Amino acid sequence: QTQYSNGTSGATPTVDFTANGNSQGIELDNNATFTFTAPPGACHLTLLFQQDPTGGHAVTWPGIVQWQSGTEPVWTTAANDINIAFFYFDGARYNGSGLVDVS
C-alpha cells in the first residue's frame, strides 16, 4: 500500500479515508482543524503530518477521536517536524495513538 499525499493542509483539511486509502500524509501550512471522511468499515488508519519549513502549526481533531489513555499526544511543531497519528476506526469512533517527532 502506498501513502496518499493530501498536499498542504490549509485551515480546514478533509482527510478522505474512503477515496484515498488507509495511509495518508499531509503538510501543515496553517493551524489545521481536521475533518475525516470515514472508511466503509472497521480498519486501521495512519496519518503522517509534517510541519512546513515555518512550523508552529497546531492540529485540532474531529470530536469522534478518542486518544489512548484519554490524552492526546503532545505533537512537536518545529519546522519540518513529522508526527504520525494511528487510528483504529471501529465504525463509530477513531481510537488514536501517536508517534511524536519522528523526523
N, C-alpha and C. Protein backbone atom coordinates (compact mmCIF):
# COMPACT_ATOMS: atom_id res chain seq x y z
N GLN A 1 0.84 -1.17 0.00
CA GLN A 1 0.00 0.00 0.00
C GLN A 1 0.89 1.24 0.00
N THR A 2 0.54 2.21 -0.80
CA THR A 2 1.29 3.47 -0.83
C THR A 2 0.56 4.52 0.01
N GLN A 3 1.32 5.51 0.41
CA GLN A 3 0.74 6.60 1.19
C GLN A 3 0.21 7.67 0.25
N TYR A 4 -1.04 8.05 0.42
CA TYR A 4 -1.66 9.10 -0.37
C TYR A 4 -1.24 10.46 0.19
N SER A 5 -0.86 11.38 -0.67
CA SER A 5 -0.50 12.73 -0.24
C SER A 5 -1.68 13.68 -0.40
N ASN A 6 -2.04 14.34 0.69
CA ASN A 6 -3.10 15.34 0.66
C ASN A 6 -2.56 16.74 0.35
N GLY A 7 -1.26 16.85 0.07
CA GLY A 7 -0.67 18.15 -0.21
C GLY A 7 -0.58 18.98 1.05
N THR A 8 -0.85 20.28 0.94
CA THR A 8 -0.81 21.16 2.11
C THR A 8 -2.19 21.28 2.73
N SER A 9 -2.20 21.58 4.02
CA SER A 9 -3.43 21.47 4.80
C SER A 9 -4.41 22.62 4.65
N GLY A 10 -3.92 23.87 4.63
CA GLY A 10 -4.85 24.96 4.81
C GLY A 10 -5.42 24.88 6.22
N ALA A 11 -6.46 25.63 6.50
CA ALA A 11 -7.02 25.70 7.85
C ALA A 11 -8.01 24.59 8.16
N THR A 12 -8.67 24.01 7.13
CA THR A 12 -9.72 23.01 7.37
C THR A 12 -9.58 21.82 6.43
N PRO A 13 -8.54 21.03 6.59
CA PRO A 13 -8.35 19.90 5.67
C PRO A 13 -9.33 18.76 5.93
N THR A 14 -9.73 18.12 4.84
CA THR A 14 -10.53 16.89 4.93
C THR A 14 -9.66 15.72 4.51
N VAL A 15 -9.58 14.72 5.37
CA VAL A 15 -8.85 13.50 5.07
C VAL A 15 -9.90 12.46 4.73
N ASP A 16 -9.91 12.02 3.48
CA ASP A 16 -10.93 11.10 2.98
C ASP A 16 -10.38 9.68 2.98
N PHE A 17 -10.69 8.94 4.04
CA PHE A 17 -10.20 7.57 4.16
C PHE A 17 -10.97 6.62 3.26
N THR A 18 -12.10 7.04 2.71
CA THR A 18 -12.84 6.20 1.78
C THR A 18 -12.20 6.24 0.40
N ALA A 19 -12.00 7.42 -0.15
CA ALA A 19 -11.49 7.56 -1.51
C ALA A 19 -9.98 7.39 -1.61
N ASN A 20 -9.24 7.76 -0.56
CA ASN A 20 -7.78 7.86 -0.69
C ASN A 20 -6.99 6.83 0.10
N GLY A 21 -7.65 5.90 0.75
CA GLY A 21 -6.96 4.80 1.41
C GLY A 21 -6.65 5.03 2.88
N ASN A 22 -6.08 3.99 3.48
CA ASN A 22 -5.87 3.95 4.93
C ASN A 22 -4.58 4.62 5.39
N SER A 23 -3.67 4.92 4.47
CA SER A 23 -2.40 5.52 4.82
C SER A 23 -2.26 6.84 4.06
N GLN A 24 -2.22 7.96 4.83
CA GLN A 24 -2.20 9.27 4.18
C GLN A 24 -1.21 10.20 4.86
N GLY A 25 -0.79 11.22 4.13
CA GLY A 25 0.11 12.22 4.66
C GLY A 25 -0.37 13.61 4.28
N ILE A 26 0.08 14.61 5.05
CA ILE A 26 -0.30 16.00 4.78
C ILE A 26 0.78 16.91 5.36
N GLU A 27 1.03 18.03 4.69
CA GLU A 27 1.95 19.03 5.21
C GLU A 27 1.13 20.16 5.82
N LEU A 28 1.44 20.47 7.08
CA LEU A 28 0.73 21.56 7.77
C LEU A 28 1.34 22.89 7.38
N ASP A 29 0.53 23.73 6.75
CA ASP A 29 0.97 25.08 6.39
C ASP A 29 0.14 26.13 7.13
N ASN A 30 -0.63 25.67 8.11
CA ASN A 30 -1.57 26.51 8.84
C ASN A 30 -1.99 25.72 10.08
N ASN A 31 -2.58 26.37 11.08
CA ASN A 31 -3.26 25.61 12.12
C ASN A 31 -4.39 24.87 11.43
N ALA A 32 -4.52 23.58 11.71
CA ALA A 32 -5.43 22.75 10.93
C ALA A 32 -6.49 22.10 11.80
N THR A 33 -7.76 22.32 11.46
CA THR A 33 -8.88 21.63 12.08
C THR A 33 -9.35 20.56 11.11
N PHE A 34 -9.03 19.30 11.44
CA PHE A 34 -9.29 18.19 10.53
C PHE A 34 -10.75 17.76 10.52
N THR A 35 -11.20 17.32 9.36
CA THR A 35 -12.44 16.58 9.16
C THR A 35 -12.05 15.26 8.52
N PHE A 36 -12.63 14.17 8.98
CA PHE A 36 -12.36 12.85 8.39
C PHE A 36 -13.60 12.36 7.66
N THR A 37 -13.39 11.77 6.49
CA THR A 37 -14.44 11.01 5.81
C THR A 37 -14.18 9.56 6.16
N ALA A 38 -15.13 8.94 6.82
CA ALA A 38 -14.94 7.61 7.38
C ALA A 38 -14.80 6.54 6.31
N PRO A 39 -13.97 5.53 6.58
CA PRO A 39 -13.91 4.37 5.70
C PRO A 39 -15.20 3.56 5.84
N PRO A 40 -15.43 2.62 4.92
CA PRO A 40 -16.70 1.89 4.94
C PRO A 40 -16.88 0.93 6.11
N GLY A 41 -15.82 0.59 6.81
CA GLY A 41 -15.95 -0.33 7.93
C GLY A 41 -14.76 -0.24 8.85
N ALA A 42 -14.74 -1.10 9.84
CA ALA A 42 -13.66 -1.09 10.82
C ALA A 42 -12.32 -1.37 10.16
N CYS A 43 -11.29 -0.59 10.58
CA CYS A 43 -9.96 -0.76 10.00
C CYS A 43 -8.94 0.08 10.75
N HIS A 44 -7.66 -0.15 10.43
CA HIS A 44 -6.55 0.63 10.96
C HIS A 44 -6.22 1.74 9.97
N LEU A 45 -5.90 2.93 10.48
CA LEU A 45 -5.62 4.10 9.64
C LEU A 45 -4.34 4.78 10.14
N THR A 46 -3.62 5.39 9.21
CA THR A 46 -2.40 6.12 9.56
C THR A 46 -2.44 7.48 8.90
N LEU A 47 -2.10 8.53 9.66
CA LEU A 47 -1.99 9.88 9.12
C LEU A 47 -0.66 10.49 9.56
N LEU A 48 0.25 10.66 8.60
CA LEU A 48 1.51 11.35 8.84
C LEU A 48 1.28 12.82 8.56
N PHE A 49 1.66 13.66 9.52
CA PHE A 49 1.53 15.09 9.27
C PHE A 49 2.85 15.77 9.61
N GLN A 50 3.29 16.59 8.67
CA GLN A 50 4.60 17.24 8.77
C GLN A 50 4.42 18.75 8.78
N GLN A 51 5.16 19.41 9.67
CA GLN A 51 5.17 20.86 9.69
C GLN A 51 5.87 21.38 8.43
N ASP A 52 5.44 22.51 7.93
CA ASP A 52 6.13 23.14 6.80
C ASP A 52 7.44 23.76 7.31
N PRO A 53 8.23 24.39 6.44
CA PRO A 53 9.51 24.96 6.87
C PRO A 53 9.39 26.07 7.91
N THR A 54 8.20 26.62 8.11
CA THR A 54 8.00 27.63 9.15
C THR A 54 7.69 26.96 10.49
N GLY A 55 6.85 25.93 10.48
CA GLY A 55 6.46 25.22 11.70
C GLY A 55 5.51 26.03 12.56
N GLY A 56 5.24 25.51 13.75
CA GLY A 56 4.39 26.20 14.71
C GLY A 56 2.90 25.98 14.51
N HIS A 57 2.51 25.03 13.67
CA HIS A 57 1.10 24.83 13.36
C HIS A 57 0.47 23.76 14.27
N ALA A 58 -0.65 24.10 14.88
CA ALA A 58 -1.37 23.19 15.77
C ALA A 58 -2.41 22.39 14.98
N VAL A 59 -2.81 21.26 15.54
CA VAL A 59 -3.86 20.45 14.93
C VAL A 59 -5.03 20.31 15.90
N THR A 60 -6.23 20.28 15.33
CA THR A 60 -7.45 20.00 16.07
C THR A 60 -8.12 18.83 15.37
N TRP A 61 -8.51 17.84 16.15
CA TRP A 61 -9.05 16.60 15.60
C TRP A 61 -10.57 16.60 15.67
N PRO A 62 -11.21 15.78 14.82
CA PRO A 62 -12.67 15.65 14.92
C PRO A 62 -13.07 15.18 16.33
N GLY A 63 -14.25 15.55 16.75
CA GLY A 63 -14.74 15.20 18.08
C GLY A 63 -14.88 13.72 18.33
N ILE A 64 -14.93 12.91 17.28
CA ILE A 64 -15.08 11.46 17.46
C ILE A 64 -13.75 10.74 17.56
N VAL A 65 -12.66 11.49 17.75
CA VAL A 65 -11.35 10.89 18.01
C VAL A 65 -11.19 10.73 19.51
N GLN A 66 -10.81 9.53 19.93
CA GLN A 66 -10.51 9.26 21.34
C GLN A 66 -9.06 8.80 21.42
N TRP A 67 -8.30 9.40 22.32
CA TRP A 67 -6.87 9.11 22.42
C TRP A 67 -6.58 8.06 23.47
N GLN A 68 -5.51 7.32 23.24
CA GLN A 68 -5.07 6.31 24.19
C GLN A 68 -4.94 6.93 25.58
N SER A 69 -5.47 6.26 26.57
CA SER A 69 -5.47 6.72 27.96
C SER A 69 -6.15 8.07 28.14
N GLY A 70 -6.96 8.51 27.15
CA GLY A 70 -7.70 9.75 27.25
C GLY A 70 -6.88 11.01 27.07
N THR A 71 -5.63 10.87 26.61
CA THR A 71 -4.75 12.01 26.48
C THR A 71 -4.15 12.09 25.09
N GLU A 72 -4.40 13.18 24.40
CA GLU A 72 -3.80 13.39 23.08
C GLU A 72 -2.29 13.54 23.21
N PRO A 73 -1.52 12.94 22.31
CA PRO A 73 -0.07 13.15 22.35
C PRO A 73 0.26 14.65 22.22
N VAL A 74 1.40 15.04 22.74
CA VAL A 74 1.88 16.40 22.59
C VAL A 74 2.74 16.43 21.33
N TRP A 75 2.13 16.86 20.24
CA TRP A 75 2.78 16.85 18.94
C TRP A 75 3.87 17.92 18.87
N THR A 76 4.95 17.62 18.17
CA THR A 76 6.00 18.62 18.02
C THR A 76 5.65 19.54 16.85
N THR A 77 6.11 20.79 16.95
CA THR A 77 5.70 21.79 15.96
C THR A 77 6.86 22.58 15.38
N ALA A 78 8.09 22.12 15.58
CA ALA A 78 9.23 22.83 14.99
C ALA A 78 9.20 22.67 13.47
N ALA A 79 9.91 23.53 12.79
CA ALA A 79 9.97 23.47 11.32
C ALA A 79 10.32 22.06 10.85
N ASN A 80 9.52 21.56 9.91
CA ASN A 80 9.72 20.26 9.25
C ASN A 80 9.52 19.04 10.16
N ASP A 81 9.08 19.21 11.40
CA ASP A 81 8.84 18.06 12.28
C ASP A 81 7.76 17.16 11.70
N ILE A 82 7.95 15.86 11.93
CA ILE A 82 7.00 14.84 11.46
C ILE A 82 6.40 14.14 12.67
N ASN A 83 5.08 14.03 12.69
CA ASN A 83 4.34 13.26 13.69
C ASN A 83 3.44 12.29 12.93
N ILE A 84 3.12 11.17 13.57
CA ILE A 84 2.24 10.18 12.94
C ILE A 84 1.13 9.81 13.91
N ALA A 85 -0.11 9.93 13.46
CA ALA A 85 -1.27 9.51 14.24
C ALA A 85 -1.77 8.18 13.68
N PHE A 86 -2.02 7.24 14.58
CA PHE A 86 -2.56 5.93 14.22
C PHE A 86 -3.95 5.84 14.81
N PHE A 87 -4.87 5.31 14.03
CA PHE A 87 -6.25 5.18 14.48
C PHE A 87 -6.77 3.77 14.22
N TYR A 88 -7.58 3.26 15.13
CA TYR A 88 -8.42 2.11 14.83
C TYR A 88 -9.83 2.66 14.75
N PHE A 89 -10.40 2.61 13.55
CA PHE A 89 -11.77 3.07 13.35
C PHE A 89 -12.68 1.88 13.59
N ASP A 90 -13.58 1.99 14.57
CA ASP A 90 -14.44 0.87 14.93
C ASP A 90 -15.83 0.95 14.30
N GLY A 91 -15.98 1.87 13.36
CA GLY A 91 -17.27 2.07 12.72
C GLY A 91 -18.01 3.28 13.26
N ALA A 92 -17.56 3.78 14.41
CA ALA A 92 -18.20 4.95 15.03
C ALA A 92 -17.18 5.97 15.53
N ARG A 93 -16.05 5.48 16.05
CA ARG A 93 -15.03 6.36 16.63
C ARG A 93 -13.67 6.04 16.05
N TYR A 94 -12.78 7.02 16.14
CA TYR A 94 -11.38 6.84 15.80
C TYR A 94 -10.62 6.75 17.11
N ASN A 95 -10.10 5.58 17.42
CA ASN A 95 -9.35 5.35 18.64
C ASN A 95 -7.88 5.54 18.30
N GLY A 96 -7.25 6.59 18.88
CA GLY A 96 -5.95 7.02 18.40
C GLY A 96 -4.80 6.88 19.35
N SER A 97 -3.61 6.81 18.74
CA SER A 97 -2.33 6.87 19.45
C SER A 97 -1.37 7.57 18.49
N GLY A 98 -0.16 7.85 18.94
CA GLY A 98 0.72 8.59 18.05
C GLY A 98 2.20 8.36 18.28
N LEU A 99 2.97 8.66 17.24
CA LEU A 99 4.42 8.76 17.30
C LEU A 99 4.76 10.22 17.16
N VAL A 100 5.54 10.73 18.08
CA VAL A 100 5.84 12.16 18.12
C VAL A 100 7.28 12.41 17.68
N ASP A 101 7.45 13.40 16.80
CA ASP A 101 8.77 13.83 16.35
C ASP A 101 9.60 12.70 15.80
N VAL A 102 9.15 12.14 14.70
CA VAL A 102 9.89 11.05 14.05
C VAL A 102 10.83 11.58 12.96
N SER A 103 11.02 12.91 12.91
CA SER A 103 11.89 13.48 11.88
C SER A 103 13.35 13.27 12.19
